[in-house]
Amino acid sequence: MVALMRWVGGAAVLCVIPFLLQPYELDLYRKLLFWVALAISYNFLFGISGQMALSHFAFAGIGAYAVVILMTQAGLPLGLAVVVALALAAALALIVALAATRLEGFYLALATLAFAQLLIVVLNEGGSLTGATGGLTNYRLPPIFGFVIGGPGTAIIMIAVLLATLAILLRIDRSWFGRACRAIRDNSEAAAAMGIDVARTKTIAFTTTSVMAAAAGMVYAFFDNTVNPPVFGIDNAIMLLFMVIVGGSGSHLGAIIGAVLLKLSQDFLEPIVGHYHALGFGVIVVVAILIQPKGLIGMWDQIRARRVAARKRAAS
């Protein structure tokens, strides 16, 4: 009951915030929610199941472009367009997973990077279907149950996707499947010896988290009613990796903290130093790995453990 009240309270706070913001602040808030949702699902893929894939943002792009194309060019109603877009993302993720998840480490990163780059080429060369380099614009989110949703409303939808992503992944992480993913991450050979189907487990984890990224991408498509290829390029894929590492790979809370910290830092630094902020983030990641491989959450756990130890010593 207490846990439920925390969820309800947290959701209420998140939903009130967009109604208190100015248009520019609201835009930053919606995009921050988008990054947090992606970081949570990517943390499960990279931090918990141990798959260093660089295709997560690509699947967000697939979801965004698919739902817009299906609505505006195929003429599908919103509900059907969402279902078909998610099915398309799941099918593509399954195809990539069947091939790529048999690889590990650097080779998996290269394979998924190739897929992500291929998607960008398709989007840039897609002509009127994808809008080419200019992307797709001048479309609107149709009324939902008779209500026209825009501005704060899109933030509410993004919050719903974020919380659903977190709730589902928390439940999965605490299940036998989550334990299997962590076992594979720590030692795939030992996991296989214990009877875990490594290939199937990695494929399911990859497909599930990629579909979650596509769902977040679909909501993102209606923030500014425009989608374009650079948003889903390799720069943001690397940034997503940075967020998980800095926050604490394998920790859901760490992914949230890393996403909030680095996204807000990016919004602050980019107008000042341009794209050189990425170099600064790279240095931060290297330093974080050297000082505390478990990220900010690992650092907090160390501090808390020391406090507990000090209290025990004082009590004795």
C-alpha atoms as a PDB file:
ATOM      1  CA  MET A   1       0.000   0.000   0.000  1.00  0.00           C
ATOM      2  CA  VAL A   2       2.862   2.357   0.874  1.00  0.00           C
ATOM      3  CA  ALA A   3       4.562   1.607  -2.443  1.00  0.00           C
ATOM      4  CA  LEU A   4       1.333   2.348  -4.314  1.00  0.00           C
ATOM      5  CA  MET A   5       0.959   5.682  -2.524  1.00  0.00           C
ATOM      6  CA  ARG A   6       4.525   6.588  -3.489  1.00  0.00           C
ATOM      7  CA  TRP A   7       3.795   5.819  -7.131  1.00  0.00           C
ATOM      8  CA  VAL A   8       0.578   7.849  -7.063  1.00  0.00           C
ATOM      9  CA  GLY A   9       2.262  10.744  -5.291  1.00  0.00           C
ATOM     10  CA  GLY A  10       5.218  10.744  -7.673  1.00  0.00           C
ATOM     11  CA  ALA A  11       2.933  10.605 -10.703  1.00  0.00           C
ATOM     12  CA  ALA A  12       0.837  13.469  -9.334  1.00  0.00           C
ATOM     13  CA  VAL A  13       3.893  15.677  -8.829  1.00  0.00           C
ATOM     14  CA  LEU A  14       5.223  14.919 -12.308  1.00  0.00           C
ATOM     15  CA  CYS A  15       1.818  15.685 -13.852  1.00  0.00           C
ATOM     16  CA  VAL A  16       1.387  19.012 -12.034  1.00  0.00           C
ATOM     17  CA  ILE A  17       4.785  20.381 -13.088  1.00  0.00           C
ATOM     18  CA  PRO A  18       4.038  20.908 -16.828  1.00  0.00           C
ATOM     19  CA  PHE A  19       1.077  23.161 -15.999  1.00  0.00           C
ATOM     20  CA  LEU A  20       3.382  25.470 -14.039  1.00  0.00           C
ATOM     21  CA  LEU A  21       5.978  25.949 -16.783  1.00  0.00           C
ATOM     22  CA  GLN A  22       6.428  28.490 -19.535  1.00  0.00           C
ATOM     23  CA  PRO A  23       6.505  27.174 -23.152  1.00  0.00           C
ATOM     24  CA  TYR A  24      10.329  26.969 -23.337  1.00  0.00           C
ATOM     25  CA  GLU A  25      10.585  25.323 -19.925  1.00  0.00           C
ATOM     26  CA  LEU A  26       7.800  22.923 -20.862  1.00  0.00           C
ATOM     27  CA  ASP A  27       9.718  21.881 -23.963  1.00  0.00           C
ATOM     28  CA  LEU A  28      12.810  21.155 -21.870  1.00  0.00           C
ATOM     29  CA  TYR A  29      10.709  19.219 -19.362  1.00  0.00           C
ATOM     30  CA  ARG A  30       9.072  17.023 -22.017  1.00  0.00           C
ATOM     31  CA  LYS A  31      12.401  16.207 -23.596  1.00  0.00           C
ATOM     32  CA  LEU A  32      13.905  15.457 -20.193  1.00  0.00           C
ATOM     33  CA  LEU A  33      11.083  12.966 -19.573  1.00  0.00           C
ATOM     34  CA  PHE A  34      11.803  11.419 -22.983  1.00  0.00           C
ATOM     35  CA  TRP A  35      15.479  10.957 -22.140  1.00  0.00           C
ATOM     36  CA  VAL A  36      14.667   9.489 -18.729  1.00  0.00           C
ATOM     37  CA  ALA A  37      12.276   6.968 -20.296  1.00  0.00           C
ATOM     38  CA  LEU A  38      14.958   5.914 -22.788  1.00  0.00           C
ATOM     39  CA  ALA A  39      17.632   5.739 -20.070  1.00  0.00           C
ATOM     40  CA  ILE A  40      15.479   3.425 -17.943  1.00  0.00           C
ATOM     41  CA  SER A  41      14.918   0.945 -20.771  1.00  0.00           C
ATOM     42  CA  TYR A  42      18.516   1.216 -21.999  1.00  0.00           C
ATOM     43  CA  ASN A  43      19.779   0.578 -18.475  1.00  0.00           C
ATOM     44  CA  PHE A  44      17.974  -2.760 -18.503  1.00  0.00           C
ATOM     45  CA  LEU A  45      19.486  -3.634 -21.872  1.00  0.00           C
ATOM     46  CA  PHE A  46      23.031  -2.492 -21.103  1.00  0.00           C
ATOM     47  CA  GLY A  47      23.327  -2.421 -17.330  1.00  0.00           C
ATOM     48  CA  ILE A  48      21.246  -5.465 -16.395  1.00  0.00           C
ATOM     49  CA  SER A  49      21.377  -7.801 -19.407  1.00  0.00           C
ATOM     50  CA  GLY A  50      24.905  -6.711 -20.359  1.00  0.00           C
ATOM     51  CA  GLN A  51      24.281  -5.883 -24.026  1.00  0.00           C
ATOM     52  CA  MET A  52      26.275  -2.888 -25.235  1.00  0.00           C
ATOM     53  CA  ALA A  53      23.928  -2.037 -28.096  1.00  0.00           C
ATOM     54  CA  LEU A  54      23.990   1.362 -29.816  1.00  0.00           C
ATOM     55  CA  SER A  55      20.641   1.007 -31.555  1.00  0.00           C
ATOM     56  CA  HIS A  56      18.335   2.206 -28.784  1.00  0.00           C
ATOM     57  CA  PHE A  57      17.816   5.680 -30.199  1.00  0.00           C
ATOM     58  CA  ALA A  58      17.312   4.139 -33.625  1.00  0.00           C
ATOM     59  CA  PHE A  59      14.280   2.257 -32.338  1.00  0.00           C
ATOM     60  CA  ALA A  60      12.942   5.472 -30.817  1.00  0.00           C
ATOM     61  CA  GLY A  61      13.258   6.900 -34.318  1.00  0.00           C
ATOM     62  CA  ILE A  62      11.457   3.921 -35.816  1.00  0.00           C
ATOM     63  CA  GLY A  63       8.552   4.448 -33.434  1.00  0.00           C
ATOM     64  CA  ALA A  64       8.415   8.198 -34.113  1.00  0.00           C
ATOM     65  CA  TYR A  65       8.594   7.968 -37.903  1.00  0.00           C
ATOM     66  CA  ALA A  66       6.343   4.910 -38.156  1.00  0.00           C
ATOM     67  CA  VAL A  67       3.417   6.390 -36.235  1.00  0.00           C
ATOM     68  CA  VAL A  68       3.578   9.657 -38.201  1.00  0.00           C
ATOM     69  CA  ILE A  69       3.842   7.940 -41.602  1.00  0.00           C
ATOM     70  CA  LEU A  70       1.044   5.513 -40.792  1.00  0.00           C
ATOM     71  CA  MET A  71      -1.245   8.358 -39.727  1.00  0.00           C
ATOM     72  CA  THR A  72      -0.447  10.993 -42.329  1.00  0.00           C
ATOM     73  CA  GLN A  73       0.363   8.910 -45.396  1.00  0.00           C
ATOM     74  CA  ALA A  74      -1.375   5.580 -44.808  1.00  0.00           C
ATOM     75  CA  GLY A  75      -4.430   7.230 -43.273  1.00  0.00           C
ATOM     76  CA  LEU A  76      -4.638   4.936 -40.249  1.00  0.00           C
ATOM     77  CA  PRO A  77      -6.424   6.126 -37.091  1.00  0.00           C
ATOM     78  CA  LEU A  78      -4.139   6.912 -34.151  1.00  0.00           C
ATOM     79  CA  GLY A  79      -4.868   3.753 -32.153  1.00  0.00           C
ATOM     80  CA  LEU A  80      -4.217   1.425 -35.088  1.00  0.00           C
ATOM     81  CA  ALA A  81      -1.137   3.418 -36.122  1.00  0.00           C
ATOM     82  CA  VAL A  82       0.322   2.999 -32.608  1.00  0.00           C
ATOM     83  CA  VAL A  83      -0.280  -0.764 -32.631  1.00  0.00           C
ATOM     84  CA  VAL A  84       1.204  -1.222 -36.104  1.00  0.00           C
ATOM     85  CA  ALA A  85       4.205   0.990 -35.268  1.00  0.00           C
ATOM     86  CA  LEU A  86       4.944  -1.014 -32.127  1.00  0.00           C
ATOM     87  CA  ALA A  87       4.570  -4.266 -34.072  1.00  0.00           C
ATOM     88  CA  LEU A  88       6.978  -2.982 -36.718  1.00  0.00           C
ATOM     89  CA  ALA A  89       9.502  -1.968 -34.046  1.00  0.00           C
ATOM     90  CA  ALA A  90       9.157  -5.392 -32.398  1.00  0.00           C
ATOM     91  CA  ALA A  91       9.687  -7.205 -35.710  1.00  0.00           C
ATOM     92  CA  LEU A  92      12.774  -5.165 -36.586  1.00  0.00           C
ATOM     93  CA  ALA A  93      14.151  -5.535 -33.058  1.00  0.00           C
ATOM     94  CA  LEU A  94      13.663  -9.295 -33.225  1.00  0.00           C
ATOM     95  CA  ILE A  95      15.482  -9.490 -36.561  1.00  0.00           C
ATOM     96  CA  VAL A  96      18.390  -7.413 -35.248  1.00  0.00           C
ATOM     97  CA  ALA A  97      18.448  -9.339 -31.970  1.00  0.00           C
ATOM     98  CA  LEU A  98      18.562 -12.774 -33.610  1.00  0.00           C
ATOM     99  CA  ALA A  99      21.696 -11.737 -35.458  1.00  0.00           C
ATOM    100  CA  ALA A 100      23.378  -9.242 -33.146  1.00  0.00           C
ATOM    101  CA  THR A 101      22.795 -10.706 -29.694  1.00  0.00           C
ATOM    102  CA  ARG A 102      24.951 -13.711 -30.550  1.00  0.00           C
ATOM    103  CA  LEU A 103      27.808 -11.227 -30.473  1.00  0.00           C
ATOM    104  CA  GLU A 104      29.307  -9.711 -27.349  1.00  0.00           C
ATOM    105  CA  GLY A 105      30.947  -6.510 -26.240  1.00  0.00           C
ATOM    106  CA  PHE A 106      32.658  -4.490 -28.956  1.00  0.00           C
ATOM    107  CA  TYR A 107      31.285  -6.642 -31.767  1.00  0.00           C
ATOM    108  CA  LEU A 108      27.693  -6.204 -30.578  1.00  0.00           C
ATOM    109  CA  ALA A 109      28.242  -2.449 -30.377  1.00  0.00           C
ATOM    110  CA  LEU A 110      29.538  -2.391 -33.950  1.00  0.00           C
ATOM    111  CA  ALA A 111      26.669  -4.492 -35.298  1.00  0.00           C
ATOM    112  CA  THR A 112      23.981  -2.352 -33.662  1.00  0.00           C
ATOM    113  CA  LEU A 113      25.822   0.832 -34.649  1.00  0.00           C
ATOM    114  CA  ALA A 114      25.711  -0.340 -38.264  1.00  0.00           C
ATOM    115  CA  PHE A 115      21.948  -0.844 -37.981  1.00  0.00           C
ATOM    116  CA  ALA A 116      21.501   2.618 -36.442  1.00  0.00           C
ATOM    117  CA  GLN A 117      23.553   4.240 -39.193  1.00  0.00           C
ATOM    118  CA  LEU A 118      21.612   2.324 -41.851  1.00  0.00           C
ATOM    119  CA  LEU A 119      18.379   3.718 -40.430  1.00  0.00           C
ATOM    120  CA  ILE A 120      19.726   7.287 -40.666  1.00  0.00           C
ATOM    121  CA  VAL A 121      20.639   6.687 -44.311  1.00  0.00           C
ATOM    122  CA  VAL A 122      17.137   5.374 -45.014  1.00  0.00           C
ATOM    123  CA  LEU A 123      15.553   8.383 -43.317  1.00  0.00           C
ATOM    124  CA  ASN A 124      17.777  10.828 -45.213  1.00  0.00           C
ATOM    125  CA  GLU A 125      17.186   9.142 -48.563  1.00  0.00           C
ATOM    126  CA  GLY A 126      13.530   8.265 -48.043  1.00  0.00           C
ATOM    127  CA  GLY A 127      12.161  11.090 -50.163  1.00  0.00           C
ATOM    128  CA  SER A 128       8.584  12.136 -49.496  1.00  0.00           C
ATOM    129  CA  LEU A 129       7.976   9.048 -47.343  1.00  0.00           C
ATOM    130  CA  THR A 130      10.385  10.157 -44.597  1.00  0.00           C
ATOM    131  CA  GLY A 131      10.779  13.803 -45.560  1.00  0.00           C
ATOM    132  CA  ALA A 132      14.463  13.204 -46.387  1.00  0.00           C
ATOM    133  CA  THR A 133      16.941  15.421 -44.504  1.00  0.00           C
ATOM    134  CA  GLY A 134      14.217  17.879 -43.482  1.00  0.00           C
ATOM    135  CA  GLY A 135      12.127  15.216 -41.763  1.00  0.00           C
ATOM    136  CA  LEU A 136       8.353  15.230 -41.394  1.00  0.00           C
ATOM    137  CA  THR A 137       6.480  18.341 -40.290  1.00  0.00           C
ATOM    138  CA  ASN A 138       3.054  19.989 -40.329  1.00  0.00           C
ATOM    139  CA  TYR A 139       1.104  17.141 -38.755  1.00  0.00           C
ATOM    140  CA  ARG A 140      -0.926  17.114 -35.554  1.00  0.00           C
ATOM    141  CA  LEU A 141      -1.920  14.653 -32.875  1.00  0.00           C
ATOM    142  CA  PRO A 142      -5.567  13.846 -33.560  1.00  0.00           C
ATOM    143  CA  PRO A 143      -8.134  14.256 -30.760  1.00  0.00           C
ATOM    144  CA  ILE A 144      -8.131  11.437 -28.201  1.00  0.00           C
ATOM    145  CA  PHE A 145     -11.622  10.588 -26.931  1.00  0.00           C
ATOM    146  CA  GLY A 146     -12.735  13.957 -28.245  1.00  0.00           C
ATOM    147  CA  PHE A 147     -10.008  15.930 -26.470  1.00  0.00           C
ATOM    148  CA  VAL A 148      -7.368  17.932 -28.336  1.00  0.00           C
ATOM    149  CA  ILE A 149      -4.068  17.263 -26.592  1.00  0.00           C
ATOM    150  CA  GLY A 150      -1.073  19.550 -26.841  1.00  0.00           C
ATOM    151  CA  GLY A 151       1.483  21.346 -24.689  1.00  0.00           C
ATOM    152  CA  PRO A 152       1.193  19.979 -21.132  1.00  0.00           C
ATOM    153  CA  GLY A 153      -0.983  17.132 -22.422  1.00  0.00           C
ATOM    154  CA  THR A 154       1.893  15.583 -24.369  1.00  0.00           C
ATOM    155  CA  ALA A 155       4.004  15.769 -21.190  1.00  0.00           C
ATOM    156  CA  ILE A 156       1.303  13.816 -19.347  1.00  0.00           C
ATOM    157  CA  ILE A 157       1.390  11.101 -22.034  1.00  0.00           C
ATOM    158  CA  MET A 158       5.186  10.980 -21.791  1.00  0.00           C
ATOM    159  CA  ILE A 159       4.929  10.623 -18.014  1.00  0.00           C
ATOM    160  CA  ALA A 160       2.533   7.709 -18.491  1.00  0.00           C
ATOM    161  CA  VAL A 161       4.980   5.988 -20.867  1.00  0.00           C
ATOM    162  CA  LEU A 162       7.888   6.664 -18.488  1.00  0.00           C
ATOM    163  CA  LEU A 163       6.096   5.263 -15.450  1.00  0.00           C
ATOM    164  CA  ALA A 164       4.811   2.253 -17.389  1.00  0.00           C
ATOM    165  CA  THR A 165       8.353   1.547 -18.606  1.00  0.00           C
ATOM    166  CA  LEU A 166       9.748   1.793 -15.083  1.00  0.00           C
ATOM    167  CA  ALA A 167       6.985  -0.335 -13.528  1.00  0.00           C
ATOM    168  CA  ILE A 168       7.318  -3.089 -16.130  1.00  0.00           C
ATOM    169  CA  LEU A 169      11.102  -3.229 -15.920  1.00  0.00           C
ATOM    170  CA  LEU A 170      11.094  -3.221 -12.108  1.00  0.00           C
ATOM    171  CA  ARG A 171       8.711  -6.169 -12.197  1.00  0.00           C
ATOM    172  CA  ILE A 172      10.839  -7.989 -14.786  1.00  0.00           C
ATOM    173  CA  ASP A 173      14.056  -7.255 -12.895  1.00  0.00           C
ATOM    174  CA  ARG A 174      12.662  -8.894  -9.749  1.00  0.00           C
ATOM    175  CA  SER A 175      11.516 -11.980 -11.664  1.00  0.00           C
ATOM    176  CA  TRP A 176      13.443 -15.080 -12.705  1.00  0.00           C
ATOM    177  CA  PHE A 177      13.997 -13.426 -16.082  1.00  0.00           C
ATOM    178  CA  GLY A 178      15.721 -10.454 -14.477  1.00  0.00           C
ATOM    179  CA  ARG A 179      17.948 -12.769 -12.471  1.00  0.00           C
ATOM    180  CA  ALA A 180      18.770 -14.670 -15.662  1.00  0.00           C
ATOM    181  CA  CYS A 181      19.727 -11.400 -17.388  1.00  0.00           C
ATOM    182  CA  ARG A 182      22.051 -10.444 -14.536  1.00  0.00           C
ATOM    183  CA  ALA A 183      23.607 -13.912 -14.539  1.00  0.00           C
ATOM    184  CA  ILE A 184      24.311 -13.632 -18.267  1.00  0.00           C
ATOM    185  CA  ARG A 185      25.784 -10.163 -17.772  1.00  0.00           C
ATOM    186  CA  ASP A 186      28.140 -11.418 -15.070  1.00  0.00           C
ATOM    187  CA  ASN A 187      29.188 -14.644 -16.797  1.00  0.00           C
ATOM    188  CA  SER A 188      27.341 -15.977 -19.834  1.00  0.00           C
ATOM    189  CA  GLU A 189      29.165 -19.316 -19.780  1.00  0.00           C
ATOM    190  CA  ALA A 190      28.271 -19.951 -16.141  1.00  0.00           C
ATOM    191  CA  ALA A 191      24.673 -18.901 -16.861  1.00  0.00           C
ATOM    192  CA  ALA A 192      24.479 -21.397 -19.729  1.00  0.00           C
ATOM    193  CA  ALA A 193      25.882 -24.107 -17.465  1.00  0.00           C
ATOM    194  CA  MET A 194      23.030 -23.402 -15.015  1.00  0.00           C
ATOM    195  CA  GLY A 195      20.493 -24.084 -17.752  1.00  0.00           C
ATOM    196  CA  ILE A 196      19.750 -20.522 -18.888  1.00  0.00           C
ATOM    197  CA  ASP A 197      19.108 -20.162 -22.608  1.00  0.00           C
ATOM    198  CA  VAL A 198      21.509 -17.283 -23.188  1.00  0.00           C
ATOM    199  CA  ALA A 199      20.536 -16.471 -26.783  1.00  0.00           C
ATOM    200  CA  ARG A 200      16.790 -16.497 -26.095  1.00  0.00           C
ATOM    201  CA  THR A 201      17.121 -14.417 -22.919  1.00  0.00           C
ATOM    202  CA  LYS A 202      19.253 -11.789 -24.656  1.00  0.00           C
ATOM    203  CA  THR A 203      16.879 -11.698 -27.630  1.00  0.00           C
ATOM    204  CA  ILE A 204      13.830 -11.143 -25.406  1.00  0.00           C
ATOM    205  CA  ALA A 205      15.610  -8.414 -23.418  1.00  0.00           C
ATOM    206  CA  PHE A 206      16.756  -6.660 -26.597  1.00  0.00           C
ATOM    207  CA  THR A 207      13.324  -6.818 -28.243  1.00  0.00           C
ATOM    208  CA  THR A 208      11.397  -5.746 -25.139  1.00  0.00           C
ATOM    209  CA  THR A 209      13.550  -2.708 -24.389  1.00  0.00           C
ATOM    210  CA  SER A 210      13.652  -1.696 -28.061  1.00  0.00           C
ATOM    211  CA  VAL A 211       9.843  -1.668 -28.203  1.00  0.00           C
ATOM    212  CA  MET A 212       9.824   0.502 -25.074  1.00  0.00           C
ATOM    213  CA  ALA A 213      12.187   2.910 -26.825  1.00  0.00           C
ATOM    214  CA  ALA A 214       9.820   2.958 -29.823  1.00  0.00           C
ATOM    215  CA  ALA A 215       6.891   3.802 -27.530  1.00  0.00           C
ATOM    216  CA  ALA A 216       8.807   6.775 -26.107  1.00  0.00           C
ATOM    217  CA  GLY A 217       9.733   7.831 -29.647  1.00  0.00           C
ATOM    218  CA  MET A 218       6.081   7.859 -30.692  1.00  0.00           C
ATOM    219  CA  VAL A 219       5.227  10.356 -27.959  1.00  0.00           C
ATOM    220  CA  TYR A 220       8.307  12.434 -28.818  1.00  0.00           C
ATOM    221  CA  ALA A 221       7.016  12.761 -32.396  1.00  0.00           C
ATOM    222  CA  PHE A 222       4.168  14.943 -31.134  1.00  0.00           C
ATOM    223  CA  PHE A 223       6.186  17.274 -28.872  1.00  0.00           C
ATOM    224  CA  ASP A 224       6.850  19.774 -31.661  1.00  0.00           C
ATOM    225  CA  ASN A 225       4.956  17.937 -34.408  1.00  0.00           C
ATOM    226  CA  THR A 226       8.184  17.322 -36.281  1.00  0.00           C
ATOM    227  CA  VAL A 227      10.714  14.501 -36.590  1.00  0.00           C
ATOM    228  CA  ASN A 228      14.062  14.627 -38.358  1.00  0.00           C
ATOM    229  CA  PRO A 229      17.023  12.230 -38.713  1.00  0.00           C
ATOM    230  CA  PRO A 230      19.679  14.019 -36.577  1.00  0.00           C
ATOM    231  CA  VAL A 231      17.619  13.508 -33.412  1.00  0.00           C
ATOM    232  CA  PHE A 232      18.028   9.740 -33.710  1.00  0.00           C
ATOM    233  CA  GLY A 233      21.694   9.721 -34.730  1.00  0.00           C
ATOM    234  CA  ILE A 234      24.775   8.264 -33.098  1.00  0.00           C
ATOM    235  CA  ASP A 235      25.525  11.368 -30.996  1.00  0.00           C
ATOM    236  CA  ASN A 236      22.420  10.861 -28.893  1.00  0.00           C
ATOM    237  CA  ALA A 237      23.011   7.098 -28.736  1.00  0.00           C
ATOM    238  CA  ILE A 238      26.421   7.749 -27.179  1.00  0.00           C
ATOM    239  CA  MET A 239      24.914  10.314 -24.819  1.00  0.00           C
ATOM    240  CA  LEU A 240      22.402   7.714 -23.646  1.00  0.00           C
ATOM    241  CA  LEU A 241      25.285   5.333 -22.890  1.00  0.00           C
ATOM    242  CA  PHE A 242      27.028   8.107 -20.937  1.00  0.00           C
ATOM    243  CA  MET A 243      23.899   8.689 -18.856  1.00  0.00           C
ATOM    244  CA  VAL A 244      23.637   5.084 -17.756  1.00  0.00           C
ATOM    245  CA  ILE A 245      27.333   4.779 -16.936  1.00  0.00           C
ATOM    246  CA  VAL A 246      27.550   8.029 -14.978  1.00  0.00           C
ATOM    247  CA  GLY A 247      24.336   7.366 -13.064  1.00  0.00           C
ATOM    248  CA  GLY A 248      25.210   3.784 -12.271  1.00  0.00           C
ATOM    249  CA  SER A 249      24.936   0.923 -14.723  1.00  0.00           C
ATOM    250  CA  GLY A 250      22.452  -1.698 -13.563  1.00  0.00           C
ATOM    251  CA  SER A 251      20.543   0.644 -11.244  1.00  0.00           C
ATOM    252  CA  HIS A 252      17.129   1.991 -12.259  1.00  0.00           C
ATOM    253  CA  LEU A 253      17.553   5.001  -9.980  1.00  0.00           C
ATOM    254  CA  GLY A 254      21.060   5.515 -11.309  1.00  0.00           C
ATOM    255  CA  ALA A 255      19.746   5.655 -14.883  1.00  0.00           C
ATOM    256  CA  ILE A 256      17.225   8.316 -13.867  1.00  0.00           C
ATOM    257  CA  ILE A 257      19.849  10.388 -12.055  1.00  0.00           C
ATOM    258  CA  GLY A 258      22.319  10.090 -14.929  1.00  0.00           C
ATOM    259  CA  ALA A 259      19.696  11.108 -17.490  1.00  0.00           C
ATOM    260  CA  VAL A 260      18.553  14.135 -15.490  1.00  0.00           C
ATOM    261  CA  LEU A 261      22.082  15.293 -14.675  1.00  0.00           C
ATOM    262  CA  LEU A 262      23.559  14.959 -18.167  1.00  0.00           C
ATOM    263  CA  LYS A 263      20.503  16.237 -20.033  1.00  0.00           C
ATOM    264  CA  LEU A 264      20.279  19.353 -17.890  1.00  0.00           C
ATOM    265  CA  SER A 265      24.063  19.818 -18.222  1.00  0.00           C
ATOM    266  CA  GLN A 266      23.733  19.503 -21.998  1.00  0.00           C
ATOM    267  CA  ASP A 267      20.949  22.089 -22.142  1.00  0.00           C
ATOM    268  CA  PHE A 268      23.091  24.445 -20.074  1.00  0.00           C
ATOM    269  CA  LEU A 269      26.451  23.900 -21.788  1.00  0.00           C
ATOM    270  CA  GLU A 270      25.516  23.469 -25.458  1.00  0.00           C
ATOM    271  CA  PRO A 271      24.498  27.120 -26.008  1.00  0.00           C
ATOM    272  CA  ILE A 272      27.856  28.148 -24.505  1.00  0.00           C
ATOM    273  CA  VAL A 273      30.391  25.691 -25.961  1.00  0.00           C
ATOM    274  CA  GLY A 274      28.434  24.108 -28.822  1.00  0.00           C
ATOM    275  CA  HIS A 275      29.064  20.453 -29.595  1.00  0.00           C
ATOM    276  CA  TYR A 276      32.257  20.497 -27.516  1.00  0.00           C
ATOM    277  CA  HIS A 277      30.085  19.603 -24.537  1.00  0.00           C
ATOM    278  CA  ALA A 278      30.230  15.992 -25.794  1.00  0.00           C
ATOM    279  CA  LEU A 279      33.992  16.014 -25.237  1.00  0.00           C
ATOM    280  CA  GLY A 280      33.434  17.144 -21.675  1.00  0.00           C
ATOM    281  CA  PHE A 281      30.930  14.343 -21.099  1.00  0.00           C
ATOM    282  CA  GLY A 282      33.457  11.854 -22.456  1.00  0.00           C
ATOM    283  CA  VAL A 283      36.026  13.030 -19.920  1.00  0.00           C
ATOM    284  CA  ILE A 284      33.412  12.780 -17.149  1.00  0.00           C
ATOM    285  CA  VAL A 285      32.621   9.183 -18.115  1.00  0.00           C
ATOM    286  CA  VAL A 286      36.292   8.165 -18.129  1.00  0.00           C
ATOM    287  CA  VAL A 287      36.864   9.795 -14.730  1.00  0.00           C
ATOM    288  CA  ALA A 288      33.681   8.222 -13.354  1.00  0.00           C
ATOM    289  CA  ILE A 289      34.755   4.751 -14.476  1.00  0.00           C
ATOM    290  CA  LEU A 290      38.230   5.182 -12.961  1.00  0.00           C
ATOM    291  CA  ILE A 291      36.998   6.605  -9.646  1.00  0.00           C
ATOM    292  CA  GLN A 292      33.734   4.742  -9.184  1.00  0.00           C
ATOM    293  CA  PRO A 293      32.815   2.095 -11.813  1.00  0.00           C
ATOM    294  CA  LYS A 294      29.308   1.837 -10.334  1.00  0.00           C
ATOM    295  CA  GLY A 295      28.565   5.500 -11.016  1.00  0.00           C
ATOM    296  CA  LEU A 296      26.884   8.036  -8.771  1.00  0.00           C
ATOM    297  CA  ILE A 297      24.658   5.392  -7.214  1.00  0.00           C
ATOM    298  CA  GLY A 298      27.743   3.337  -6.350  1.00  0.00           C
ATOM    299  CA  MET A 299      29.288   6.388  -4.731  1.00  0.00           C
ATOM    300  CA  TRP A 300      26.127   6.971  -2.673  1.00  0.00           C
ATOM    301  CA  ASP A 301      26.055   3.298  -1.637  1.00  0.00           C
ATOM    302  CA  GLN A 302      29.645   3.588  -0.422  1.00  0.00           C
ATOM    303  CA  ILE A 303      28.865   6.693   1.626  1.00  0.00           C
ATOM    304  CA  ARG A 304      25.782   5.056   3.122  1.00  0.00           C
ATOM    305  CA  ALA A 305      27.739   1.874   3.959  1.00  0.00           C
ATOM    306  CA  ARG A 306      30.406   3.904   5.721  1.00  0.00           C
ATOM    307  CA  ARG A 307      27.768   5.726   7.769  1.00  0.00           C
ATOM    308  CA  VAL A 308      26.147   2.440   8.791  1.00  0.00           C
ATOM    309  CA  ALA A 309      29.556   1.013   9.743  1.00  0.00           C
ATOM    310  CA  ALA A 310      30.375   4.129  11.759  1.00  0.00           C
ATOM    311  CA  ARG A 311      27.073   3.874  13.649  1.00  0.00           C
ATOM    312  CA  LYS A 312      27.702   0.225  14.456  1.00  0.00           C
ATOM    313  CA  ARG A 313      31.172   1.049  15.771  1.00  0.00           C
ATOM    314  CA  ALA A 314      29.757   3.885  17.876  1.00  0.00           C
ATOM    315  CA  ALA A 315      27.010   1.631  19.256  1.00  0.00           C
ATOM    316  CA  SER A 316      29.475  -1.051  20.224  1.00  0.00           C
END
